[in-house]
N, C-alpha and C. Protein backbone atom coordinates (compact mmCIF):
# COMPACT_ATOMS: atom_id res chain seq x y z
N UNK A 1 -152.17 85.80 110.34
CA UNK A 1 -152.62 86.14 109.03
C UNK A 1 -154.16 86.36 109.03
N UNK A 2 -154.40 87.38 108.51
CA UNK A 2 -155.89 87.84 108.54
C UNK A 2 -156.71 87.04 107.39
N UNK A 3 -157.74 86.54 107.96
CA UNK A 3 -158.74 85.71 107.24
C UNK A 3 -159.47 86.43 106.00
N UNK A 4 -158.78 86.69 105.13
CA UNK A 4 -159.34 87.64 104.13
C UNK A 4 -158.61 87.37 102.82
N UNK A 5 -159.25 87.81 101.55
CA UNK A 5 -158.42 87.86 100.38
C UNK A 5 -157.09 88.40 100.44
N UNK A 6 -157.10 89.60 101.12
CA UNK A 6 -155.87 90.42 101.17
C UNK A 6 -154.97 89.79 102.17
N UNK A 7 -155.45 89.15 103.20
CA UNK A 7 -154.51 88.40 104.13
C UNK A 7 -153.89 87.19 103.32
N UNK A 8 -154.53 86.32 102.75
CA UNK A 8 -153.91 85.27 102.06
C UNK A 8 -153.18 85.47 101.00
N UNK A 9 -153.37 86.58 100.39
CA UNK A 9 -152.25 87.17 99.32
C UNK A 9 -151.42 88.06 99.67
N UNK A 10 -151.09 88.03 100.86
CA UNK A 10 -150.03 88.90 101.45
C UNK A 10 -150.06 90.38 101.06
N UNK A 11 -151.36 90.87 101.39
CA UNK A 11 -151.55 92.28 100.95
C UNK A 11 -151.79 92.59 99.64
N UNK A 12 -151.87 91.57 98.71
CA UNK A 12 -152.17 91.85 97.23
C UNK A 12 -153.41 91.33 96.90
N UNK A 13 -154.61 91.67 97.76
CA UNK A 13 -155.86 91.28 97.52
C UNK A 13 -156.47 91.80 96.28
N UNK A 14 -155.93 92.85 95.75
CA UNK A 14 -156.28 93.54 94.40
C UNK A 14 -156.00 92.66 93.28
N UNK A 15 -155.10 91.82 93.29
CA UNK A 15 -154.77 90.80 92.18
C UNK A 15 -155.69 89.64 92.08
N UNK A 16 -156.66 89.56 93.02
CA UNK A 16 -157.47 88.29 93.06
C UNK A 16 -158.21 88.01 91.62
N UNK A 17 -158.95 89.24 91.08
CA UNK A 17 -159.59 89.00 89.93
C UNK A 17 -158.90 88.68 88.72
N UNK A 18 -157.61 89.29 88.63
CA UNK A 18 -156.64 88.72 87.42
C UNK A 18 -156.23 87.30 87.69
N UNK A 19 -155.78 87.08 89.00
CA UNK A 19 -155.44 85.73 89.24
C UNK A 19 -156.50 84.57 88.63
N UNK A 20 -157.68 84.86 89.08
CA UNK A 20 -158.89 84.09 88.91
C UNK A 20 -159.12 83.98 87.22
N UNK A 21 -159.04 84.87 86.61
CA UNK A 21 -159.09 85.05 85.22
C UNK A 21 -158.14 84.20 84.34
N UNK A 22 -156.83 84.51 84.95
CA UNK A 22 -155.88 83.71 84.10
C UNK A 22 -156.02 82.26 84.55
N UNK A 23 -156.29 81.86 85.79
CA UNK A 23 -156.40 80.42 86.22
C UNK A 23 -157.67 79.85 85.52
N UNK A 24 -158.72 80.45 85.14
CA UNK A 24 -159.84 80.11 84.57
C UNK A 24 -159.49 79.64 82.94
N UNK A 25 -158.60 80.56 82.30
CA UNK A 25 -158.28 80.16 80.85
C UNK A 25 -157.40 79.00 81.05
N UNK A 26 -156.64 78.78 81.90
CA UNK A 26 -155.84 77.64 82.13
C UNK A 26 -156.72 76.36 82.12
N UNK A 27 -157.59 76.45 83.19
CA UNK A 27 -158.49 75.22 83.33
C UNK A 27 -159.37 75.05 82.07
N UNK A 28 -159.81 76.09 81.41
CA UNK A 28 -160.76 75.92 80.17
C UNK A 28 -159.83 75.18 79.12
N UNK A 29 -158.51 75.47 79.04
CA UNK A 29 -157.74 74.74 78.03
C UNK A 29 -157.46 73.30 78.47
N UNK A 30 -156.89 73.17 79.54
CA UNK A 30 -156.45 71.85 80.16
C UNK A 30 -157.84 70.87 80.31
N UNK A 31 -159.07 71.47 80.69
CA UNK A 31 -160.05 70.45 80.81
C UNK A 31 -161.28 70.67 79.87
N UNK A 32 -161.04 71.15 78.67
CA UNK A 32 -161.85 71.41 77.71
C UNK A 32 -162.98 70.36 77.61
N UNK A 33 -162.51 69.15 77.16
CA UNK A 33 -163.30 67.98 76.92
C UNK A 33 -164.24 67.63 78.18
N UNK A 34 -163.54 67.75 79.35
CA UNK A 34 -164.32 67.35 80.48
C UNK A 34 -165.27 68.55 80.94
N UNK A 35 -165.01 69.70 80.83
CA UNK A 35 -165.96 70.93 80.91
C UNK A 35 -167.17 70.73 80.12
N UNK A 36 -166.90 70.25 78.95
CA UNK A 36 -167.93 70.24 77.79
C UNK A 36 -168.85 69.10 78.14
N UNK A 37 -168.41 67.88 78.66
CA UNK A 37 -169.33 66.84 79.14
C UNK A 37 -169.93 67.34 80.43
N UNK A 38 -169.47 67.99 81.12
CA UNK A 38 -170.20 68.45 82.45
C UNK A 38 -171.26 69.42 82.13
N UNK A 39 -171.24 70.21 81.08
CA UNK A 39 -172.08 71.18 80.61
C UNK A 39 -173.41 70.37 80.11
N UNK A 40 -173.09 69.22 79.51
CA UNK A 40 -174.06 68.39 78.75
C UNK A 40 -174.77 67.55 79.90
N UNK A 41 -174.22 67.43 81.15
CA UNK A 41 -174.70 66.56 82.07
C UNK A 41 -174.22 65.08 81.99
N UNK A 42 -173.13 64.87 81.13
CA UNK A 42 -172.65 63.60 81.19
C UNK A 42 -171.58 63.41 81.90
N UNK A 43 -170.99 64.22 82.62
CA UNK A 43 -169.88 64.05 83.64
C UNK A 43 -169.91 65.06 84.81
N UNK A 44 -169.65 64.46 85.99
CA UNK A 44 -169.79 65.17 87.08
C UNK A 44 -168.17 65.53 87.55
N UNK A 45 -167.90 67.01 87.67
CA UNK A 45 -166.57 67.21 88.09
C UNK A 45 -166.43 67.53 89.48
N UNK A 46 -165.34 67.11 90.04
CA UNK A 46 -165.09 67.26 91.39
C UNK A 46 -163.66 67.81 91.46
N UNK A 47 -163.37 68.57 92.75
CA UNK A 47 -161.98 69.11 93.00
C UNK A 47 -161.67 69.32 94.33
N UNK A 48 -160.36 69.26 94.52
CA UNK A 48 -160.02 69.35 95.89
C UNK A 48 -158.96 70.83 95.88
N UNK A 49 -159.32 71.68 96.76
CA UNK A 49 -158.61 72.85 96.76
C UNK A 49 -157.64 72.75 97.94
N UNK A 50 -156.40 72.47 97.53
CA UNK A 50 -155.22 72.23 98.55
C UNK A 50 -154.70 73.56 98.97
N UNK A 51 -154.54 73.80 100.25
CA UNK A 51 -154.20 75.10 100.76
C UNK A 51 -155.16 76.14 100.67
N UNK A 52 -156.30 75.75 100.83
CA UNK A 52 -157.58 76.44 100.48
C UNK A 52 -157.69 77.95 101.12
N UNK A 53 -156.89 78.27 102.13
CA UNK A 53 -157.10 79.48 102.85
C UNK A 53 -158.62 79.84 103.00
N UNK A 54 -158.99 80.88 102.64
CA UNK A 54 -160.39 81.51 103.00
C UNK A 54 -161.31 81.17 102.07
N UNK A 55 -161.00 80.06 101.07
CA UNK A 55 -161.87 79.57 100.08
C UNK A 55 -162.03 80.42 98.76
N UNK A 56 -160.97 81.42 98.54
CA UNK A 56 -160.93 82.29 97.50
C UNK A 56 -161.04 81.59 96.07
N UNK A 57 -160.36 80.59 96.07
CA UNK A 57 -160.07 79.89 94.78
C UNK A 57 -161.21 78.93 94.50
N UNK A 58 -161.92 78.36 95.63
CA UNK A 58 -162.98 77.47 95.60
C UNK A 58 -164.19 78.40 95.10
N UNK A 59 -164.42 79.67 95.69
CA UNK A 59 -165.70 80.33 95.43
C UNK A 59 -165.50 81.04 94.06
N UNK A 60 -164.54 81.57 93.86
CA UNK A 60 -164.22 82.46 92.55
C UNK A 60 -164.09 81.64 91.15
N UNK A 61 -163.12 80.49 91.33
CA UNK A 61 -162.73 79.84 90.33
C UNK A 61 -163.48 78.29 90.09
N UNK A 62 -163.40 77.44 91.33
CA UNK A 62 -163.72 76.13 91.08
C UNK A 62 -165.30 75.78 91.14
N UNK A 63 -166.00 76.50 91.96
CA UNK A 63 -167.53 76.18 91.99
C UNK A 63 -168.20 76.43 90.80
N UNK A 64 -167.76 77.49 89.97
CA UNK A 64 -168.36 77.66 88.63
C UNK A 64 -168.15 76.51 87.81
N UNK A 65 -167.20 75.72 87.91
CA UNK A 65 -166.93 74.67 86.97
C UNK A 65 -167.13 73.37 87.48
N UNK A 66 -167.02 73.11 88.92
CA UNK A 66 -166.96 71.59 89.56
C UNK A 66 -168.22 71.58 90.19
N UNK A 67 -168.91 70.47 90.25
CA UNK A 67 -170.17 70.17 90.92
C UNK A 67 -169.75 70.23 92.54
N UNK A 68 -168.66 69.56 92.79
CA UNK A 68 -168.30 69.49 94.35
C UNK A 68 -166.72 69.70 94.41
N UNK A 69 -166.64 70.61 95.48
CA UNK A 69 -165.30 71.03 95.79
C UNK A 69 -164.98 70.68 97.28
N UNK A 70 -164.01 69.98 97.65
CA UNK A 70 -163.42 69.74 99.08
C UNK A 70 -162.26 70.68 99.27
N UNK A 71 -162.45 71.19 100.58
CA UNK A 71 -161.18 72.09 100.65
C UNK A 71 -160.21 71.44 101.83
N UNK A 72 -159.03 71.57 101.66
CA UNK A 72 -158.04 71.23 102.58
C UNK A 72 -156.99 72.31 103.21
N UNK A 73 -156.94 72.70 104.44
CA UNK A 73 -156.24 73.83 104.72
C UNK A 73 -155.84 73.46 106.21
N UNK A 74 -154.50 73.71 106.39
CA UNK A 74 -153.86 73.51 107.73
C UNK A 74 -154.27 74.48 108.99
N UNK A 75 -154.64 75.77 108.58
CA UNK A 75 -154.85 76.80 109.51
C UNK A 75 -156.42 76.71 109.79
N UNK A 76 -156.66 76.53 111.10
CA UNK A 76 -158.18 76.49 111.59
C UNK A 76 -158.87 77.81 111.34
N UNK A 77 -158.17 78.80 111.64
CA UNK A 77 -159.05 80.14 111.53
C UNK A 77 -159.25 80.67 110.02
N UNK A 78 -158.41 80.09 109.11
CA UNK A 78 -158.71 80.31 107.68
C UNK A 78 -159.62 79.23 107.11
N UNK A 79 -159.70 77.95 107.63
CA UNK A 79 -160.76 77.15 107.17
C UNK A 79 -162.06 77.46 107.76
N UNK A 80 -162.15 77.86 109.02
CA UNK A 80 -163.44 78.34 109.28
C UNK A 80 -164.02 79.56 108.73
N UNK A 81 -163.17 80.32 108.36
CA UNK A 81 -163.69 81.65 107.42
C UNK A 81 -164.01 80.95 106.13
N UNK A 82 -163.47 80.13 105.59
CA UNK A 82 -163.84 79.41 104.30
C UNK A 82 -165.34 78.92 104.40
N UNK A 83 -165.36 77.81 105.46
CA UNK A 83 -166.64 77.26 105.63
C UNK A 83 -167.83 78.27 105.99
N UNK A 84 -167.48 79.24 106.73
CA UNK A 84 -168.63 80.12 107.03
C UNK A 84 -169.00 80.81 105.70
N UNK A 85 -168.14 81.43 104.90
CA UNK A 85 -168.24 82.06 103.60
C UNK A 85 -169.07 81.22 102.63
N UNK A 86 -168.58 79.91 102.38
CA UNK A 86 -169.10 79.01 101.28
C UNK A 86 -170.41 78.37 101.80
N UNK A 87 -170.56 78.23 102.90
CA UNK A 87 -172.06 77.66 103.34
C UNK A 87 -172.90 78.75 103.34
N UNK A 88 -172.56 80.04 103.55
CA UNK A 88 -173.56 81.11 103.36
C UNK A 88 -173.81 81.38 101.91
N UNK A 89 -172.97 81.02 101.13
CA UNK A 89 -173.12 81.26 99.66
C UNK A 89 -173.75 80.14 98.79
N UNK A 90 -174.37 79.24 99.51
CA UNK A 90 -174.72 78.02 98.77
C UNK A 90 -176.05 78.35 97.97
N UNK A 91 -176.86 79.26 98.65
CA UNK A 91 -178.11 79.67 97.93
C UNK A 91 -177.72 80.56 96.58
N UNK A 92 -176.62 81.08 96.52
CA UNK A 92 -176.12 81.92 95.55
C UNK A 92 -175.31 81.19 94.49
N UNK A 93 -175.12 79.85 94.82
CA UNK A 93 -173.98 79.16 94.06
C UNK A 93 -174.47 79.11 92.55
N UNK A 94 -173.22 79.25 91.73
CA UNK A 94 -173.34 79.32 90.45
C UNK A 94 -172.30 78.32 89.82
N UNK A 95 -173.07 77.39 88.97
CA UNK A 95 -174.49 77.15 88.78
C UNK A 95 -175.20 76.67 90.00
N UNK A 96 -176.59 76.41 89.94
CA UNK A 96 -177.18 75.90 91.23
C UNK A 96 -176.67 74.28 91.22
N UNK A 97 -176.75 74.04 92.55
CA UNK A 97 -176.35 72.55 92.75
C UNK A 97 -174.68 72.54 93.05
N UNK A 98 -173.94 73.42 92.85
CA UNK A 98 -172.60 73.30 92.92
C UNK A 98 -172.28 73.73 94.35
N UNK A 99 -171.39 72.92 95.03
CA UNK A 99 -171.22 73.37 96.61
C UNK A 99 -169.85 72.78 96.97
N UNK A 100 -169.14 73.59 97.97
CA UNK A 100 -168.12 73.15 98.67
C UNK A 100 -168.72 72.10 99.83
N UNK A 101 -168.19 70.92 99.86
CA UNK A 101 -168.81 69.80 100.51
C UNK A 101 -167.94 69.49 101.73
N UNK A 102 -166.82 69.17 101.74
CA UNK A 102 -166.01 68.81 102.95
C UNK A 102 -164.92 69.78 103.15
N UNK A 103 -164.66 70.14 104.52
CA UNK A 103 -163.48 71.09 104.83
C UNK A 103 -162.65 70.27 105.85
N UNK A 104 -161.39 70.00 105.21
CA UNK A 104 -160.45 69.15 106.04
C UNK A 104 -159.47 70.05 106.59
N UNK A 105 -159.31 69.82 107.93
CA UNK A 105 -158.34 70.68 108.52
C UNK A 105 -156.84 69.87 108.70
N UNK A 106 -156.08 70.09 107.72
CA UNK A 106 -154.69 69.36 107.54
C UNK A 106 -154.07 70.01 106.36
N UNK A 107 -152.68 69.65 106.59
CA UNK A 107 -151.92 69.99 105.30
C UNK A 107 -152.04 68.72 104.39
N UNK A 108 -151.56 69.07 103.20
CA UNK A 108 -151.72 68.01 102.34
C UNK A 108 -150.67 66.86 102.48
N UNK A 109 -149.64 67.11 103.23
CA UNK A 109 -148.46 66.03 103.56
C UNK A 109 -149.23 65.21 104.60
N UNK A 110 -150.25 65.79 105.38
CA UNK A 110 -150.77 65.03 106.64
C UNK A 110 -152.01 64.23 106.25
N UNK A 111 -152.76 64.82 105.19
CA UNK A 111 -154.16 64.35 105.01
C UNK A 111 -153.99 62.89 104.40
N UNK A 112 -155.05 62.16 104.85
CA UNK A 112 -155.20 60.92 104.27
C UNK A 112 -156.28 60.53 103.34
N UNK A 113 -156.24 60.21 102.26
CA UNK A 113 -157.40 60.09 101.27
C UNK A 113 -158.02 58.70 101.43
N UNK A 114 -159.32 58.82 101.49
CA UNK A 114 -159.99 57.48 101.70
C UNK A 114 -160.19 56.87 100.22
N UNK A 115 -159.96 55.61 100.18
CA UNK A 115 -160.15 54.82 98.79
C UNK A 115 -161.46 54.78 98.43
N UNK A 116 -161.59 54.78 97.10
CA UNK A 116 -163.10 54.96 96.60
C UNK A 116 -163.29 53.39 95.80
């Protein structure tokens, strides 16, 4: 599988913007109060992108809302592409200070979550 938006979307890379816009509307509705608190600085939002692929959802959807995003992906070449892209993007993050933090090479069913 090609390590690109087009590759992870099965040749339908052109739908990425529409997908992100619809997903953003869903998150805005579902997390309205949390997003408002985060905007005021009274809440820190974190997310886990499961099946992260090349980091498309993290970069385009999650990082604008969440302070920290971890990525979980079972394909090494896709995760490597995501890490390279997202680490190069840190200086351009929107808003400043938001970042992809951890890159886990595993499927969701194999990943062990550390207790907090």
